[in-house]
Amino acid sequence: MSAKSKKGGNPTQQDRVLADHKRVGNRFIPPWLQFVPLVEIRFVDFILPELLWLAILNDNFGLAKGAELALALPKVATKVNIARDTAPNKWFALTSSYFTLTKEQKQQSIKLLQSSDDLRLLKQALMPLIAFYPECPLNFLFEGSLPQLEAFETSLERFKDFLSTLFDKYEKPATLMQANAIYIAFVTGLLKVAEGLSLANFPAVADFPETEESKRIATSVRATVNGLGGNYLDPKQSVWSNYFWNRGLELQPCNYREIYETHEQ
């Protein structure tokens, strides 16, 4: 993409935001993804259920504490996973990744989380998710005692309203949810970015959408989530995502079709 506008004048805001991206049709690809095969993963169908727990933490505790708690669980999961040398590093931003932990690894993760207040806070925030979706891979945090909600219907309505705010991956709640997923990839060693690229100043995404820099970083975040998703998710075998949407219909039939079709990618 040229740094100049099409008329040869000063760069437009879009030019500046996407200066280090390559345009392919209507999509903008960040530099590190330009040299690897890109598999498109449908955001609402697959990415949203996988990263939903991160948005829940942001919603409960705010961006700073939400990001801190979002990292706590993947750090201990990565630690116990590497210790057993059972598989290569996993992207523990994805809910499905916790399916792969053994019973012993889950117990070790809980023990490590108990050394701080992180376990209590994680359970506090994720209680509705596990109550509504008892087969969620994160249910091990409750150590076999699944939570019960006193005001089930009221909580369900609130959960549905919250979920609807995440359907548009370009809006702030979904963007910051994805940013937490990339933060996890950085800290657990799955992702490294060369100096000078948009993601190199990743913390500035917290200002989204108030600054041009945050918008540029957010664009890279979304594309990177899709790229990593293509490596770590198989839509044909997405047990958690399929269960999530099917279970939602069991809980209370709802029509998100209009929203879905508007934001389908």
Protein backbone atom coordinates (compact mmCIF):
# COMPACT_ATOMS: atom_id res chain seq x y z
CA MET A 1 0.00 0.00 0.00
CA SER A 2 1.31 3.39 -0.90
CA ALA A 3 2.05 5.84 1.90
CA LYS A 4 0.38 8.51 -0.24
CA SER A 5 -3.27 8.92 -0.98
CA LYS A 6 -4.45 7.90 -4.44
CA LYS A 7 -4.35 11.51 -5.57
CA GLY A 8 -0.74 11.88 -4.50
CA GLY A 9 -1.45 14.17 -1.57
CA ASN A 10 -0.90 13.63 2.13
CA PRO A 11 -1.49 10.13 3.53
CA THR A 12 -5.06 9.48 4.60
CA GLN A 13 -5.88 8.17 8.06
CA GLN A 14 -6.48 4.69 6.60
CA ASP A 15 -3.11 4.82 4.82
CA ARG A 16 -1.35 5.60 8.09
CA VAL A 17 -3.22 2.95 10.06
CA LEU A 18 -2.51 0.20 7.51
CA ALA A 19 0.90 1.38 6.28
CA ASP A 20 2.71 -1.92 7.01
CA HIS A 21 -0.14 -4.17 5.78
CA LYS A 22 -0.58 -5.86 2.42
CA ARG A 23 -3.98 -5.57 0.78
CA VAL A 24 -5.46 -8.79 -0.59
CA GLY A 25 -8.92 -8.06 -1.98
CA ASN A 26 -10.81 -6.37 0.83
CA ARG A 27 -8.53 -7.73 3.55
CA PHE A 28 -5.35 -6.23 5.02
CA ILE A 29 -2.64 -8.70 6.04
CA PRO A 30 -0.02 -7.73 8.69
CA PRO A 31 3.64 -8.28 7.74
CA TRP A 32 4.32 -11.45 9.73
CA LEU A 33 1.34 -13.22 8.13
CA GLN A 34 2.33 -12.33 4.56
CA PHE A 35 4.73 -15.26 4.39
CA VAL A 36 2.55 -18.06 5.78
CA PRO A 37 -0.61 -19.68 4.40
CA LEU A 38 -3.70 -17.86 5.70
CA VAL A 39 -6.69 -19.98 6.65
CA GLU A 40 -9.87 -18.00 7.21
CA ILE A 41 -11.61 -18.91 10.49
CA ARG A 42 -15.16 -17.63 10.86
CA PHE A 43 -15.15 -15.26 13.80
CA VAL A 44 -18.65 -15.74 15.20
CA ASP A 45 -18.74 -19.49 14.64
CA PHE A 46 -15.34 -20.39 16.06
CA ILE A 47 -13.18 -17.54 17.36
CA LEU A 48 -15.86 -15.94 19.54
CA PRO A 49 -16.66 -19.08 21.60
CA GLU A 50 -12.94 -19.80 21.98
CA LEU A 51 -12.03 -16.33 23.30
CA LEU A 52 -15.26 -15.53 25.13
CA TRP A 53 -13.75 -16.19 28.56
CA LEU A 54 -11.26 -13.37 27.94
CA ALA A 55 -14.06 -10.91 27.22
CA ILE A 56 -15.83 -12.05 30.39
CA LEU A 57 -12.73 -11.19 32.43
CA ASN A 58 -12.52 -7.75 30.82
CA ASP A 59 -16.19 -7.16 31.51
CA ASN A 60 -15.91 -8.17 35.17
CA PHE A 61 -12.62 -6.56 36.13
CA GLY A 62 -11.75 -3.94 33.53
CA LEU A 63 -9.01 -4.07 30.92
CA ALA A 64 -5.93 -4.00 33.17
CA LYS A 65 -7.05 -6.58 35.73
CA GLY A 66 -8.83 -8.58 33.03
CA ALA A 67 -5.59 -8.88 31.06
CA GLU A 68 -3.70 -9.86 34.22
CA LEU A 69 -6.16 -12.65 35.02
CA ALA A 70 -6.32 -13.70 31.38
CA LEU A 71 -2.60 -14.36 31.55
CA ALA A 72 -2.60 -16.14 34.91
CA LEU A 73 -4.29 -19.33 33.72
CA PRO A 74 -2.37 -19.73 30.42
CA LYS A 75 0.93 -19.21 32.24
CA VAL A 76 0.34 -22.08 34.65
CA ALA A 77 -1.16 -24.26 31.91
CA THR A 78 1.88 -23.67 29.72
CA LYS A 79 4.15 -24.45 32.65
CA VAL A 80 2.54 -27.80 33.46
CA ASN A 81 2.25 -28.67 29.78
CA ILE A 82 5.94 -28.08 29.10
CA ALA A 83 6.95 -29.84 32.32
CA ARG A 84 5.37 -33.09 31.11
CA ASP A 85 6.68 -32.55 27.59
CA THR A 86 3.46 -34.07 26.28
CA ALA A 87 3.01 -31.74 23.31
CA PRO A 88 4.37 -28.56 21.74
CA ASN A 89 3.33 -25.24 23.19
CA LYS A 90 -0.36 -24.59 22.89
CA TRP A 91 -2.24 -21.33 22.54
CA PHE A 92 -3.96 -21.31 25.91
CA ALA A 93 -6.03 -18.29 24.95
CA LEU A 94 -8.33 -20.82 23.27
CA THR A 95 -10.88 -22.50 25.49
CA SER A 96 -10.42 -25.74 23.53
CA SER A 97 -6.75 -25.91 24.53
CA TYR A 98 -7.79 -26.89 28.06
CA PHE A 99 -9.37 -30.08 26.72
CA THR A 100 -5.82 -31.33 26.14
CA LEU A 101 -4.66 -31.08 29.76
CA THR A 102 -4.57 -34.31 31.70
CA LYS A 103 -6.32 -34.65 35.04
CA GLU A 104 -2.96 -34.32 36.76
CA GLN A 105 -2.07 -31.20 34.78
CA LYS A 106 -5.38 -29.60 35.71
CA GLN A 107 -4.78 -30.35 39.38
CA GLN A 108 -1.30 -28.87 39.13
CA SER A 109 -2.70 -25.75 37.43
CA ILE A 110 -5.25 -25.27 40.21
CA LYS A 111 -2.56 -25.68 42.86
CA LEU A 112 -0.40 -23.03 41.21
CA LEU A 113 -3.34 -20.63 40.91
CA GLN A 114 -4.17 -21.11 44.59
CA SER A 115 -0.87 -19.51 45.55
CA SER A 116 -2.51 -16.16 44.77
CA ASP A 117 -6.08 -14.87 44.61
CA ASP A 118 -6.28 -15.64 40.91
CA LEU A 119 -8.28 -18.85 41.21
CA ARG A 120 -11.03 -17.20 43.26
CA LEU A 121 -11.32 -14.30 40.85
CA LEU A 122 -11.36 -16.55 37.79
CA LYS A 123 -14.13 -18.66 39.31
CA GLN A 124 -16.07 -15.56 40.30
CA ALA A 125 -16.06 -14.22 36.74
CA LEU A 126 -16.51 -17.52 34.91
CA MET A 127 -19.27 -18.89 37.14
CA PRO A 128 -22.13 -18.01 34.74
CA LEU A 129 -20.28 -19.44 31.74
CA ILE A 130 -19.75 -22.78 33.48
CA ALA A 131 -23.28 -22.79 34.90
CA PHE A 132 -24.76 -22.31 31.43
CA TYR A 133 -22.21 -24.54 29.67
CA PRO A 134 -21.21 -27.29 32.12
CA GLU A 135 -19.10 -29.12 29.51
CA CYS A 136 -16.88 -26.08 28.99
CA PRO A 137 -13.20 -27.10 29.08
CA LEU A 138 -12.64 -24.53 31.83
CA ASN A 139 -14.98 -26.35 34.21
CA PHE A 140 -11.99 -28.02 35.90
CA LEU A 141 -11.40 -24.75 37.78
CA PHE A 142 -14.45 -25.61 39.91
CA GLU A 143 -12.92 -28.98 40.91
CA GLY A 144 -15.97 -31.11 40.18
CA SER A 145 -18.49 -28.83 41.93
CA LEU A 146 -20.27 -27.00 39.13
CA PRO A 147 -21.69 -23.60 40.11
CA GLN A 148 -25.41 -22.94 40.48
CA LEU A 149 -26.98 -19.57 39.75
CA GLU A 150 -29.76 -18.32 42.00
CA ALA A 151 -31.34 -16.00 39.41
CA PHE A 152 -30.81 -18.27 36.42
CA GLU A 153 -33.17 -16.58 33.94
CA THR A 154 -32.02 -13.07 34.85
CA SER A 155 -28.39 -14.11 34.54
CA LEU A 156 -29.10 -15.76 31.20
CA GLU A 157 -30.67 -12.60 29.79
CA ARG A 158 -27.68 -10.59 30.99
CA PHE A 159 -25.31 -13.13 29.42
CA LYS A 160 -27.17 -12.97 26.08
CA ASP A 161 -26.96 -9.17 26.08
CA PHE A 162 -23.25 -9.34 26.83
CA LEU A 163 -22.64 -11.93 24.12
CA SER A 164 -24.37 -9.77 21.52
CA THR A 165 -21.78 -7.00 22.11
CA LEU A 166 -19.06 -9.33 20.85
CA PHE A 167 -20.52 -10.27 17.48
CA ASP A 168 -18.75 -7.44 15.67
CA LYS A 169 -15.05 -8.21 15.83
CA TYR A 170 -14.21 -4.63 14.87
CA GLU A 171 -15.90 -3.04 17.88
CA LYS A 172 -14.09 -2.30 21.13
CA PRO A 173 -15.23 -5.27 23.31
CA ALA A 174 -14.33 -7.88 20.70
CA THR A 175 -11.11 -6.11 19.73
CA LEU A 176 -9.85 -6.01 23.32
CA MET A 177 -10.89 -9.65 23.79
CA GLN A 178 -8.69 -10.53 20.82
CA ALA A 179 -5.92 -8.31 22.16
CA ASN A 180 -5.83 -10.39 25.36
CA ALA A 181 -5.46 -13.51 23.22
CA ILE A 182 -2.45 -11.98 21.46
CA TYR A 183 -1.02 -10.89 24.81
CA ILE A 184 -1.14 -14.52 25.89
CA ALA A 185 0.63 -15.59 22.69
CA PHE A 186 3.41 -13.06 23.37
CA VAL A 187 3.96 -13.96 27.02
CA THR A 188 3.85 -17.75 26.50
CA GLY A 189 6.36 -17.56 23.66
CA LEU A 190 4.11 -18.45 20.73
CA LEU A 191 4.48 -15.11 19.01
CA LYS A 192 7.44 -12.83 18.41
CA VAL A 193 7.31 -9.62 16.38
CA ALA A 194 10.18 -7.71 14.82
CA GLU A 195 10.88 -4.18 15.91
CA GLY A 196 9.20 -1.57 13.76
CA LEU A 197 6.01 -3.52 13.04
CA SER A 198 2.66 -2.41 14.39
CA LEU A 199 2.43 -5.17 17.00
CA ALA A 200 5.85 -4.20 18.40
CA ASN A 201 4.12 -1.48 20.43
CA PHE A 202 1.29 -3.82 21.39
CA PRO A 203 0.36 -2.17 24.76
CA ALA A 204 -0.91 0.89 22.87
CA VAL A 205 -3.91 -1.17 21.75
CA ALA A 206 -5.41 -0.35 25.16
CA ASP A 207 -6.23 3.10 23.74
CA PHE A 208 -8.44 1.65 21.00
CA PRO A 209 -10.22 3.27 19.26
CA GLU A 210 -9.05 6.70 20.39
CA THR A 211 -5.70 6.90 18.54
CA GLU A 212 -4.47 6.08 15.06
CA GLU A 213 -1.74 3.89 16.51
CA SER A 214 -4.24 1.84 18.50
CA LYS A 215 -6.35 1.36 15.37
CA ARG A 216 -3.30 0.19 13.43
CA ILE A 217 -2.38 -2.28 16.17
CA ALA A 218 -5.97 -3.48 16.43
CA THR A 219 -5.97 -4.28 12.72
CA SER A 220 -2.86 -6.42 13.21
CA VAL A 221 -4.38 -8.05 16.30
CA ARG A 222 -7.48 -9.20 14.39
CA ALA A 223 -5.48 -10.56 11.49
CA THR A 224 -3.05 -12.29 13.82
CA VAL A 225 -5.87 -13.91 15.78
CA ASN A 226 -7.24 -15.27 12.52
CA GLY A 227 -3.78 -16.49 11.51
CA LEU A 228 -3.11 -18.24 14.80
CA GLY A 229 -6.65 -19.60 14.74
CA GLY A 230 -5.92 -21.19 11.39
CA ASN A 231 -2.96 -22.99 12.97
CA TYR A 232 -4.60 -24.06 16.23
CA LEU A 233 -8.25 -24.62 15.28
CA ASP A 234 -9.83 -27.18 13.01
CA PRO A 235 -13.40 -26.05 12.22
CA LYS A 236 -14.31 -29.61 11.25
CA GLN A 237 -13.40 -30.85 14.74
CA SER A 238 -14.41 -27.86 16.84
CA VAL A 239 -16.07 -29.67 19.72
CA TRP A 240 -16.30 -26.67 22.04
CA SER A 241 -17.65 -24.20 19.45
CA ASN A 242 -20.30 -26.63 18.25
CA TYR A 243 -21.32 -27.43 21.81
CA PHE A 244 -21.44 -23.73 22.69
CA TRP A 245 -23.92 -22.80 19.97
CA ASN A 246 -26.01 -25.96 20.31
CA ARG A 247 -26.20 -25.56 24.07
CA GLY A 248 -27.26 -21.95 23.59
CA LEU A 249 -30.29 -23.12 21.66
CA GLU A 250 -31.12 -25.60 24.43
CA LEU A 251 -30.90 -22.89 27.08
CA GLN A 252 -33.17 -20.50 25.29
CA PRO A 253 -33.84 -20.39 21.54
CA CYS A 254 -32.76 -16.99 20.33
CA ASN A 255 -32.37 -15.46 16.91
CA TYR A 256 -28.99 -13.87 16.41
CA ARG A 257 -29.23 -14.46 12.66
CA GLU A 258 -29.60 -10.79 11.74
CA ILE A 259 -26.57 -9.80 13.82
CA TYR A 260 -24.63 -12.81 12.57
CA GLU A 261 -25.26 -12.07 8.92
CA THR A 262 -24.32 -8.42 9.41
CA HIS A 263 -20.93 -9.27 10.89
CA GLU A 264 -20.19 -12.60 9.21
CA GLN A 265 -16.63 -12.71 7.93
